[in-house]
Amino acid sequence: VDFDLILEKVKDLNVLAGEGISQIEHTPGGARLRQPEPLPLTLYQNGIVMFNGPFRPYEDPSTQQCLQDIMDGYFPSELQTRYPDGV
């Protein structure tokens, strides 16, 4: 696993997702600025943990697909139903 490449691609995806840019959230009395919720991803020598979910070894096909999506510069396809507009 090329950790440097994964980290570089995650940074690129964060920029595309608007990292550091506040969004306007309308409230009953007006509006406020809101930062997008982060999606925690922890990389280990032998696998990953996304959110606070279970440990996923690199040998798991779904983990390989997730990391391949990231390395290809795409939002992980497994998250599309949870975040249809991206993160």
N, C-alpha and C. Protein backbone atom coordinates (compact mmCIF):
# COMPACT_ATOMS: atom_id res chain seq x y z
N VAL A 1 0.85 -1.18 0.00
CA VAL A 1 0.00 0.00 0.00
C VAL A 1 0.89 1.24 0.00
N ASP A 2 0.65 2.14 -0.93
CA ASP A 2 1.41 3.37 -1.05
C ASP A 2 0.72 4.45 -0.22
N PHE A 3 1.13 4.56 1.05
CA PHE A 3 0.49 5.50 1.97
C PHE A 3 0.64 6.95 1.50
N ASP A 4 1.80 7.29 0.94
CA ASP A 4 2.01 8.66 0.47
C ASP A 4 1.02 9.01 -0.64
N LEU A 5 0.78 8.08 -1.55
CA LEU A 5 -0.17 8.32 -2.63
C LEU A 5 -1.58 8.46 -2.08
N ILE A 6 -1.96 7.61 -1.15
CA ILE A 6 -3.30 7.70 -0.55
C ILE A 6 -3.48 9.04 0.13
N LEU A 7 -2.50 9.47 0.92
CA LEU A 7 -2.61 10.76 1.61
C LEU A 7 -2.68 11.92 0.63
N GLU A 8 -1.90 11.86 -0.44
CA GLU A 8 -1.95 12.90 -1.47
C GLU A 8 -3.33 12.96 -2.12
N LYS A 9 -3.88 11.80 -2.45
CA LYS A 9 -5.19 11.76 -3.09
C LYS A 9 -6.30 12.21 -2.14
N VAL A 10 -6.20 11.85 -0.85
CA VAL A 10 -7.19 12.30 0.13
C VAL A 10 -7.14 13.82 0.24
N LYS A 11 -5.94 14.40 0.25
CA LYS A 11 -5.83 15.87 0.30
C LYS A 11 -6.47 16.50 -0.93
N ASP A 12 -6.23 15.92 -2.11
CA ASP A 12 -6.84 16.43 -3.34
C ASP A 12 -8.36 16.36 -3.26
N LEU A 13 -8.89 15.24 -2.77
CA LEU A 13 -10.34 15.09 -2.65
C LEU A 13 -10.91 16.09 -1.64
N ASN A 14 -10.16 16.33 -0.56
CA ASN A 14 -10.62 17.31 0.44
C ASN A 14 -10.72 18.71 -0.17
N VAL A 15 -9.77 19.06 -1.01
CA VAL A 15 -9.82 20.37 -1.68
C VAL A 15 -11.05 20.44 -2.58
N LEU A 16 -11.28 19.38 -3.35
CA LEU A 16 -12.45 19.34 -4.23
C LEU A 16 -13.76 19.42 -3.46
N ALA A 17 -13.76 18.85 -2.25
CA ALA A 17 -14.97 18.84 -1.42
C ALA A 17 -15.18 20.16 -0.70
N GLY A 18 -14.22 21.07 -0.81
CA GLY A 18 -14.38 22.38 -0.18
C GLY A 18 -13.82 22.47 1.22
N GLU A 19 -12.76 21.76 1.50
CA GLU A 19 -12.15 21.80 2.82
C GLU A 19 -11.82 23.24 3.20
N GLY A 20 -12.21 23.62 4.41
CA GLY A 20 -11.93 24.96 4.91
C GLY A 20 -12.92 26.01 4.45
N ILE A 21 -13.86 25.64 3.62
CA ILE A 21 -14.86 26.58 3.13
C ILE A 21 -16.17 26.35 3.89
N SER A 22 -16.67 27.41 4.50
CA SER A 22 -17.92 27.31 5.24
C SER A 22 -19.10 27.34 4.27
N GLN A 23 -20.17 26.68 4.67
CA GLN A 23 -21.39 26.68 3.89
C GLN A 23 -22.46 27.42 4.68
N ILE A 24 -23.39 28.04 3.98
CA ILE A 24 -24.48 28.74 4.65
C ILE A 24 -25.58 27.75 4.97
N GLU A 25 -25.96 27.71 6.23
CA GLU A 25 -27.05 26.85 6.68
C GLU A 25 -28.19 27.75 7.15
N HIS A 26 -29.33 27.63 6.51
CA HIS A 26 -30.48 28.47 6.87
C HIS A 26 -31.13 27.92 8.14
N THR A 27 -31.43 28.83 9.05
CA THR A 27 -32.09 28.48 10.31
C THR A 27 -33.40 29.24 10.40
N PRO A 28 -34.29 28.85 11.31
CA PRO A 28 -35.58 29.56 11.42
C PRO A 28 -35.42 31.07 11.65
N GLY A 29 -34.37 31.48 12.36
CA GLY A 29 -34.19 32.91 12.64
C GLY A 29 -33.19 33.59 11.73
N GLY A 30 -32.70 32.93 10.70
CA GLY A 30 -31.71 33.54 9.82
C GLY A 30 -30.83 32.50 9.16
N ALA A 31 -29.53 32.63 9.41
CA ALA A 31 -28.58 31.70 8.80
C ALA A 31 -27.31 31.69 9.63
N ARG A 32 -26.52 30.64 9.44
CA ARG A 32 -25.23 30.56 10.11
C ARG A 32 -24.25 29.82 9.19
N LEU A 33 -22.98 30.04 9.47
CA LEU A 33 -21.95 29.34 8.70
C LEU A 33 -21.69 27.98 9.32
N ARG A 34 -21.55 26.98 8.48
CA ARG A 34 -21.33 25.61 8.95
C ARG A 34 -20.17 25.00 8.19
N GLN A 35 -19.30 24.33 8.93
CA GLN A 35 -18.20 23.58 8.33
C GLN A 35 -18.71 22.18 7.98
N PRO A 36 -18.32 21.65 6.83
CA PRO A 36 -18.73 20.28 6.49
C PRO A 36 -18.21 19.28 7.53
N GLU A 37 -18.99 18.24 7.80
CA GLU A 37 -18.58 17.20 8.74
C GLU A 37 -17.45 16.38 8.14
N PRO A 38 -16.39 16.17 8.89
CA PRO A 38 -15.29 15.34 8.36
C PRO A 38 -15.67 13.86 8.33
N LEU A 39 -15.03 13.14 7.46
CA LEU A 39 -15.21 11.70 7.37
C LEU A 39 -13.90 11.06 7.83
N PRO A 40 -13.86 10.55 9.07
CA PRO A 40 -12.60 10.01 9.58
C PRO A 40 -12.16 8.74 8.85
N LEU A 41 -10.90 8.72 8.46
CA LEU A 41 -10.29 7.56 7.82
C LEU A 41 -8.94 7.36 8.49
N THR A 42 -8.75 6.21 9.12
CA THR A 42 -7.50 5.89 9.79
C THR A 42 -6.81 4.77 9.03
N LEU A 43 -5.56 5.02 8.65
CA LEU A 43 -4.77 4.03 7.92
C LEU A 43 -3.84 3.32 8.89
N TYR A 44 -3.84 2.01 8.83
CA TYR A 44 -2.94 1.18 9.63
C TYR A 44 -2.04 0.39 8.69
N GLN A 45 -1.05 -0.23 9.24
CA GLN A 45 -0.11 -1.02 8.44
C GLN A 45 -0.83 -2.16 7.71
N ASN A 46 -1.89 -2.69 8.32
CA ASN A 46 -2.54 -3.86 7.74
C ASN A 46 -4.03 -3.65 7.41
N GLY A 47 -4.51 -2.40 7.47
CA GLY A 47 -5.91 -2.15 7.14
C GLY A 47 -6.33 -0.73 7.43
N ILE A 48 -7.65 -0.49 7.35
CA ILE A 48 -8.20 0.85 7.58
C ILE A 48 -9.40 0.77 8.52
N VAL A 49 -9.75 1.92 9.07
CA VAL A 49 -11.00 2.10 9.80
C VAL A 49 -11.61 3.39 9.27
N MET A 50 -12.85 3.31 8.80
CA MET A 50 -13.56 4.49 8.31
C MET A 50 -14.69 4.78 9.29
N PHE A 51 -14.89 6.05 9.60
CA PHE A 51 -15.81 6.48 10.65
C PHE A 51 -15.32 5.83 11.95
N ASN A 52 -16.20 5.29 12.72
CA ASN A 52 -15.82 4.51 13.90
C ASN A 52 -16.16 3.05 13.66
N GLY A 53 -16.15 2.68 12.39
CA GLY A 53 -16.57 1.34 11.99
C GLY A 53 -15.56 0.27 12.31
N PRO A 54 -15.81 -0.90 11.81
CA PRO A 54 -14.91 -2.03 12.09
C PRO A 54 -13.59 -1.89 11.34
N PHE A 55 -12.59 -2.57 11.84
CA PHE A 55 -11.30 -2.65 11.15
C PHE A 55 -11.49 -3.42 9.86
N ARG A 56 -10.90 -2.92 8.78
CA ARG A 56 -11.03 -3.55 7.47
C ARG A 56 -9.65 -3.85 6.93
N PRO A 57 -9.27 -5.13 6.85
CA PRO A 57 -7.93 -5.46 6.33
C PRO A 57 -7.81 -5.12 4.86
N TYR A 58 -6.57 -4.84 4.43
CA TYR A 58 -6.32 -4.50 3.03
C TYR A 58 -6.68 -5.64 2.09
N GLU A 59 -6.70 -6.88 2.57
CA GLU A 59 -7.03 -8.02 1.72
C GLU A 59 -8.52 -8.09 1.38
N ASP A 60 -9.35 -7.40 2.14
CA ASP A 60 -10.80 -7.40 1.93
C ASP A 60 -11.09 -6.70 0.59
N PRO A 61 -11.85 -7.33 -0.31
CA PRO A 61 -12.15 -6.71 -1.61
C PRO A 61 -12.82 -5.34 -1.50
N SER A 62 -13.69 -5.14 -0.50
CA SER A 62 -14.35 -3.83 -0.37
C SER A 62 -13.34 -2.75 0.05
N THR A 63 -12.35 -3.12 0.86
CA THR A 63 -11.30 -2.18 1.24
C THR A 63 -10.44 -1.84 0.03
N GLN A 64 -10.10 -2.84 -0.76
CA GLN A 64 -9.31 -2.61 -1.97
C GLN A 64 -10.05 -1.68 -2.93
N GLN A 65 -11.37 -1.88 -3.08
CA GLN A 65 -12.15 -1.03 -3.98
C GLN A 65 -12.20 0.40 -3.46
N CYS A 66 -12.38 0.56 -2.16
CA CYS A 66 -12.43 1.89 -1.54
C CYS A 66 -11.12 2.63 -1.79
N LEU A 67 -10.01 1.98 -1.51
CA LEU A 67 -8.71 2.62 -1.69
C LEU A 67 -8.40 2.86 -3.17
N GLN A 68 -8.84 1.97 -4.04
CA GLN A 68 -8.63 2.17 -5.48
C GLN A 68 -9.40 3.40 -5.96
N ASP A 69 -10.64 3.55 -5.47
CA ASP A 69 -11.42 4.75 -5.81
C ASP A 69 -10.66 6.01 -5.40
N ILE A 70 -10.14 6.01 -4.17
CA ILE A 70 -9.39 7.17 -3.68
C ILE A 70 -8.14 7.41 -4.52
N MET A 71 -7.38 6.36 -4.81
CA MET A 71 -6.15 6.51 -5.58
C MET A 71 -6.42 6.95 -7.01
N ASP A 72 -7.62 6.62 -7.52
CA ASP A 72 -8.00 7.07 -8.86
C ASP A 72 -8.55 8.49 -8.85
N GLY A 73 -8.65 9.09 -7.64
CA GLY A 73 -9.13 10.46 -7.53
C GLY A 73 -10.62 10.59 -7.42
N TYR A 74 -11.30 9.51 -7.05
CA TYR A 74 -12.75 9.52 -6.94
C TYR A 74 -13.21 9.36 -5.51
N PHE A 75 -14.39 9.89 -5.25
CA PHE A 75 -15.08 9.67 -3.99
C PHE A 75 -15.38 8.18 -3.88
N PRO A 76 -15.10 7.54 -2.74
CA PRO A 76 -15.34 6.09 -2.64
C PRO A 76 -16.79 5.71 -2.98
N SER A 77 -16.94 4.81 -3.93
CA SER A 77 -18.28 4.43 -4.42
C SER A 77 -19.15 3.85 -3.31
N GLU A 78 -18.56 3.22 -2.30
CA GLU A 78 -19.35 2.64 -1.21
C GLU A 78 -20.07 3.70 -0.39
N LEU A 79 -19.66 4.95 -0.49
CA LEU A 79 -20.27 6.03 0.29
C LEU A 79 -21.33 6.81 -0.48
N GLN A 80 -21.55 6.46 -1.74
CA GLN A 80 -22.46 7.24 -2.57
C GLN A 80 -23.91 7.19 -2.09
N THR A 81 -24.34 6.07 -1.52
CA THR A 81 -25.72 6.03 -1.03
C THR A 81 -25.87 6.85 0.25
N ARG A 82 -24.82 6.88 1.06
CA ARG A 82 -24.87 7.64 2.31
C ARG A 82 -24.70 9.13 2.06
N TYR A 83 -23.88 9.48 1.07
CA TYR A 83 -23.62 10.88 0.70
C TYR A 83 -23.81 11.06 -0.81
N PRO A 84 -25.04 11.13 -1.28
CA PRO A 84 -25.26 11.20 -2.73
C PRO A 84 -24.65 12.44 -3.39
N ASP A 85 -24.44 13.52 -2.60
CA ASP A 85 -23.84 14.74 -3.15
C ASP A 85 -22.36 14.86 -2.81
N GLY A 86 -21.76 13.79 -2.26
CA GLY A 86 -20.36 13.82 -1.87
C GLY A 86 -20.21 14.30 -0.44
N VAL A 87 -18.96 14.31 0.02
CA VAL A 87 -18.65 14.74 1.38
C VAL A 87 -17.85 16.02 1.30
